[in-house]
Amino acid sequence: MRYLPLLAAVLSFNVFAASTPDAPHIYIQGQGQITTVADNVKLSVGIVEIDKDLMAAKQKADITMAKAIKLAKQASVLDTDINAGQISIHRENQYNRETNKQEFVGFRVSRSLSLTLKQIDKYPLLLQNLVSGGINEINQTEFVSSRYKELQQQAQKLAIKDAKSAAEEFATDYDVKIKGLYSASMSPMDTNTQPYMRVKMASMADTESGNFVPDAYHAGELVITASSYAIYLIK
């Protein structure tokens, strides 16, 4: 168990922070955690083409992007989960040490593709096909749970339950009684004391979702956490 060095620090009469009462109280932090596995992949890739002919560079990038979008749809990615609207064009120069001048290399045309793949087992093949199809930038890959909001709410409930349990534990250990809840928050309160919390947080495993990505792209375990802060009046 983890206690504050001095009980007086917890049972303080804090007149400096409006969020704490001018009466004996304890400040508690509860923690909740849910483990799950990924069932979605958010992927961001891109294509960069450089050519002194601007239209030629753009055409090459557009052709590659069209191929990438087709490959994504073949992997069962929905139209609503595909974003390929971004394009940027810049003049690219390179310093020539012999002439001490900047020389024009060509127009740099960049296009990006962001997508969410809901059939996670298709990720390795899709990634390989995108690279083979001309994609030359892998910007970001994120394995996520489609049930994140739901699981976050569950983790929050666990944190609230843990805060209640921690308050009861504290009261029992120090032989005091809890009069009632003064205030509660999902974020730290404006107080000059650290909250009491137990070392082991409330946790559970999600068993309803997620398929592991095979071989080199194993998604692994996702951990969703939440905290709850509460001030209880005591006597």
Protein backbone atom coordinates (compact mmCIF):
# COMPACT_ATOMS: atom_id res chain seq x y z
CA MET A 1 0.00 0.00 0.00
CA ARG A 2 1.12 3.54 -0.66
CA TYR A 3 0.48 6.18 2.03
CA LEU A 4 1.44 9.80 2.41
CA PRO A 5 4.45 10.33 4.72
CA LEU A 6 2.32 12.27 7.19
CA LEU A 7 -1.32 11.72 7.92
CA ALA A 8 -1.62 15.43 8.61
CA ALA A 9 -0.77 16.08 4.98
CA VAL A 10 -3.91 14.25 3.96
CA LEU A 11 -6.11 15.40 6.80
CA SER A 12 -5.20 18.99 6.09
CA PHE A 13 -7.36 22.03 6.46
CA ASN A 14 -6.56 23.55 3.10
CA VAL A 15 -7.61 27.19 3.05
CA PHE A 16 -5.55 28.00 -0.05
CA ALA A 17 -7.46 25.98 -2.65
CA ALA A 18 -11.13 26.57 -3.32
CA SER A 19 -11.61 22.97 -4.44
CA THR A 20 -10.88 21.59 -0.95
CA PRO A 21 -13.14 21.98 2.10
CA ASP A 22 -12.22 23.77 5.31
CA ALA A 23 -12.84 20.56 7.24
CA PRO A 24 -11.09 17.21 7.83
CA HIS A 25 -10.94 15.32 4.55
CA ILE A 26 -8.99 12.86 2.46
CA TYR A 27 -7.95 13.29 -1.16
CA ILE A 28 -8.13 10.05 -3.13
CA GLN A 29 -6.99 8.92 -6.57
CA GLY A 30 -8.52 5.83 -8.16
CA GLN A 31 -7.09 4.09 -11.19
CA GLY A 32 -8.66 1.78 -13.75
CA GLN A 33 -7.13 -0.24 -16.55
CA ILE A 34 -8.46 -2.45 -19.32
CA THR A 35 -6.30 -4.56 -21.61
CA THR A 36 -7.46 -5.44 -25.10
CA VAL A 37 -6.05 -6.22 -28.53
CA ALA A 38 -6.19 -4.20 -31.73
CA ASP A 39 -8.85 -4.88 -34.32
CA ASN A 40 -8.20 -1.84 -36.57
CA VAL A 41 -5.11 -0.35 -38.19
CA LYS A 42 -4.76 3.35 -38.97
CA LEU A 43 -2.23 3.73 -41.75
CA SER A 44 -0.73 6.89 -43.23
CA VAL A 45 1.43 6.57 -46.36
CA GLY A 46 2.57 8.83 -49.17
CA ILE A 47 4.13 9.18 -52.58
CA VAL A 48 6.82 11.71 -53.51
CA GLU A 49 7.81 12.40 -57.13
CA ILE A 50 10.46 14.87 -58.34
CA ASP A 51 10.66 16.01 -61.94
CA LYS A 52 11.67 19.22 -63.71
CA ASP A 53 8.37 18.95 -65.55
CA LEU A 54 5.71 19.81 -63.00
CA MET A 55 2.86 18.09 -64.84
CA ALA A 56 4.95 14.95 -65.27
CA ALA A 57 5.70 14.82 -61.54
CA LYS A 58 2.04 15.36 -60.65
CA GLN A 59 0.88 12.71 -63.11
CA LYS A 60 3.27 10.14 -61.66
CA ALA A 61 2.05 10.90 -58.14
CA ASP A 62 -1.60 10.77 -59.21
CA ILE A 63 -1.16 7.43 -60.96
CA THR A 64 0.53 5.90 -57.89
CA MET A 65 -2.14 7.30 -55.59
CA ALA A 66 -4.96 5.95 -57.75
CA LYS A 67 -3.31 2.52 -57.62
CA ALA A 68 -2.95 2.77 -53.83
CA ILE A 69 -6.62 3.65 -53.39
CA LYS A 70 -7.59 0.68 -55.55
CA LEU A 71 -5.41 -1.63 -53.45
CA ALA A 72 -7.00 -0.29 -50.26
CA LYS A 73 -10.49 -1.00 -51.58
CA GLN A 74 -9.41 -4.50 -52.62
CA ALA A 75 -8.41 -5.01 -48.98
CA SER A 76 -12.01 -4.13 -47.99
CA VAL A 77 -11.25 -0.58 -46.81
CA LEU A 78 -14.45 1.47 -47.06
CA ASP A 79 -14.63 4.71 -49.05
CA THR A 80 -15.48 6.55 -45.82
CA ASP A 81 -12.24 5.28 -44.28
CA ILE A 82 -10.00 6.59 -47.08
CA ASN A 83 -8.61 10.13 -47.22
CA ALA A 84 -6.40 10.96 -50.19
CA GLY A 85 -7.15 14.63 -50.75
CA GLN A 86 -3.85 16.20 -49.69
CA ILE A 87 -1.25 17.28 -52.23
CA SER A 88 1.74 19.62 -51.95
CA ILE A 89 4.06 21.05 -54.61
CA HIS A 90 7.45 22.65 -53.94
CA ARG A 91 10.43 23.75 -56.00
CA GLU A 92 13.45 21.70 -54.97
CA ASN A 93 16.94 23.15 -55.21
CA GLN A 94 20.34 21.68 -54.47
CA TYR A 95 23.53 23.55 -53.60
CA ASN A 96 26.35 23.08 -56.10
CA ARG A 97 29.73 23.44 -54.38
CA GLU A 98 31.57 23.96 -57.65
CA THR A 99 29.47 26.90 -58.76
CA ASN A 100 28.49 28.06 -55.25
CA LYS A 101 24.92 28.34 -56.46
CA GLN A 102 21.58 26.76 -55.79
CA GLU A 103 20.51 24.69 -58.78
CA PHE A 104 16.99 23.71 -59.66
CA VAL A 105 16.47 19.95 -59.21
CA GLY A 106 12.81 19.75 -60.04
CA PHE A 107 9.30 20.09 -58.69
CA ARG A 108 8.61 17.96 -55.64
CA VAL A 109 5.02 16.67 -55.68
CA SER A 110 3.80 14.91 -52.55
CA ARG A 111 0.52 13.14 -51.99
CA SER A 112 -0.67 11.39 -48.84
CA LEU A 113 -3.12 8.60 -48.14
CA SER A 114 -4.70 7.93 -44.76
CA LEU A 115 -6.92 4.91 -44.21
CA THR A 116 -8.42 2.69 -41.53
CA LEU A 117 -8.22 -1.04 -42.16
CA LYS A 118 -10.87 -2.92 -40.19
CA GLN A 119 -9.79 -6.38 -41.28
CA ILE A 120 -6.51 -6.34 -39.43
CA ASP A 121 -5.34 -9.70 -40.79
CA LYS A 122 -5.01 -8.07 -44.22
CA TYR A 123 -2.54 -5.47 -43.01
CA PRO A 124 0.77 -7.20 -43.92
CA LEU A 125 -0.34 -7.94 -47.48
CA LEU A 126 -1.84 -4.49 -48.00
CA LEU A 127 1.35 -2.80 -46.81
CA GLN A 128 3.46 -4.94 -49.14
CA ASN A 129 1.15 -4.22 -52.08
CA LEU A 130 1.25 -0.47 -51.42
CA VAL A 131 5.04 -0.43 -51.43
CA SER A 132 5.16 -2.61 -54.54
CA GLY A 133 2.65 -0.27 -56.16
CA GLY A 134 4.92 2.77 -55.81
CA ILE A 135 4.23 4.15 -52.32
CA ASN A 136 7.60 5.36 -51.05
CA GLU A 137 6.71 6.90 -47.68
CA ILE A 138 5.28 5.11 -44.63
CA ASN A 139 4.40 7.95 -42.29
CA GLN A 140 2.53 6.30 -39.44
CA THR A 141 0.99 2.98 -38.43
CA GLU A 142 -1.25 2.77 -35.38
CA PHE A 143 -2.98 -0.35 -34.10
CA VAL A 144 -6.22 0.64 -32.36
CA SER A 145 -9.41 -0.80 -30.93
CA SER A 146 -12.73 0.04 -32.56
CA ARG A 147 -14.25 -0.19 -29.07
CA TYR A 148 -11.93 2.42 -27.56
CA LYS A 149 -14.67 4.81 -26.36
CA GLU A 150 -16.66 2.00 -24.80
CA LEU A 151 -13.59 0.54 -23.11
CA GLN A 152 -12.48 3.99 -21.93
CA GLN A 153 -15.84 4.40 -20.20
CA GLN A 154 -15.43 1.00 -18.58
CA ALA A 155 -11.94 1.96 -17.40
CA GLN A 156 -13.37 5.17 -15.95
CA LYS A 157 -15.95 3.19 -13.97
CA LEU A 158 -13.17 0.97 -12.67
CA ALA A 159 -11.24 4.08 -11.59
CA ILE A 160 -14.29 5.42 -9.70
CA LYS A 161 -14.77 2.05 -8.04
CA ASP A 162 -11.08 2.00 -7.13
CA ALA A 163 -11.33 5.48 -5.60
CA LYS A 164 -14.24 4.37 -3.42
CA SER A 165 -12.35 1.27 -2.34
CA ALA A 166 -9.21 3.30 -1.60
CA ALA A 167 -11.22 5.68 0.59
CA GLU A 168 -12.69 2.77 2.54
CA GLU A 169 -9.24 1.23 2.91
CA PHE A 170 -7.78 4.50 4.16
CA ALA A 171 -10.62 4.99 6.66
CA THR A 172 -10.19 1.46 8.03
CA ASP A 173 -6.40 1.70 8.33
CA TYR A 174 -6.52 5.05 10.15
CA ASP A 175 -9.64 4.33 12.18
CA VAL A 176 -11.68 7.22 10.84
CA LYS A 177 -15.15 7.34 9.36
CA ILE A 178 -16.22 8.70 5.98
CA LYS A 179 -19.01 11.29 6.27
CA GLY A 180 -19.61 11.60 2.53
CA LEU A 181 -18.31 12.69 -0.84
CA TYR A 182 -17.35 16.36 -1.08
CA SER A 183 -16.28 16.54 -4.74
CA ALA A 184 -15.08 14.33 -7.59
CA SER A 185 -13.24 14.88 -10.84
CA MET A 186 -11.68 12.95 -13.70
CA SER A 187 -8.57 15.17 -13.52
CA PRO A 188 -6.31 16.22 -10.61
CA MET A 189 -7.81 18.81 -8.29
CA ASP A 190 -6.36 22.16 -7.30
CA THR A 191 -4.80 21.16 -4.01
CA ASN A 192 -1.32 21.32 -2.51
CA THR A 193 -1.38 17.68 -1.35
CA GLN A 194 -0.82 14.49 -3.28
CA PRO A 195 -3.77 12.10 -3.49
CA TYR A 196 -3.76 8.81 -1.63
CA MET A 197 -3.86 5.84 -4.00
CA ARG A 198 -3.24 2.16 -3.87
CA VAL A 199 -0.30 0.65 -5.71
CA LYS A 200 -2.42 -1.94 -7.52
CA MET A 201 -5.08 -0.41 -9.74
CA ALA A 202 -8.41 -1.97 -10.65
CA SER A 203 -8.07 -3.81 -13.95
CA MET A 204 -9.84 -6.19 -16.27
CA ALA A 205 -9.32 -7.78 -19.69
CA ASP A 206 -11.49 -7.17 -22.73
CA THR A 207 -12.44 -10.50 -24.26
CA GLU A 208 -14.85 -9.35 -26.94
CA SER A 209 -12.69 -7.88 -29.67
CA GLY A 210 -9.40 -8.05 -31.47
CA ASN A 211 -7.50 -10.33 -33.76
CA PHE A 212 -3.73 -10.49 -33.68
CA VAL A 213 -1.74 -9.59 -36.75
CA PRO A 214 0.43 -12.58 -37.72
CA ASP A 215 4.19 -12.85 -38.03
CA ALA A 216 6.25 -9.64 -38.12
CA TYR A 217 3.26 -7.31 -37.66
CA HIS A 218 1.89 -8.73 -34.41
CA ALA A 219 -0.25 -5.96 -32.93
CA GLY A 220 0.29 -6.94 -29.32
CA GLU A 221 -1.68 -5.72 -26.34
CA LEU A 222 -3.36 -2.34 -25.90
CA VAL A 223 -3.76 -0.82 -22.45
CA ILE A 224 -6.54 1.71 -21.80
CA THR A 225 -6.27 3.61 -18.52
CA ALA A 226 -8.35 6.14 -16.62
CA SER A 227 -8.15 8.02 -13.32
CA SER A 228 -10.69 9.37 -10.86
CA TYR A 229 -10.07 11.93 -8.11
CA ALA A 230 -12.30 12.42 -5.11
CA ILE A 231 -12.38 14.32 -1.83
CA TYR A 232 -14.22 12.67 1.05
CA LEU A 233 -15.15 14.38 4.30
CA ILE A 234 -14.13 12.35 7.34
CA LYS A 235 -14.71 12.37 11.08
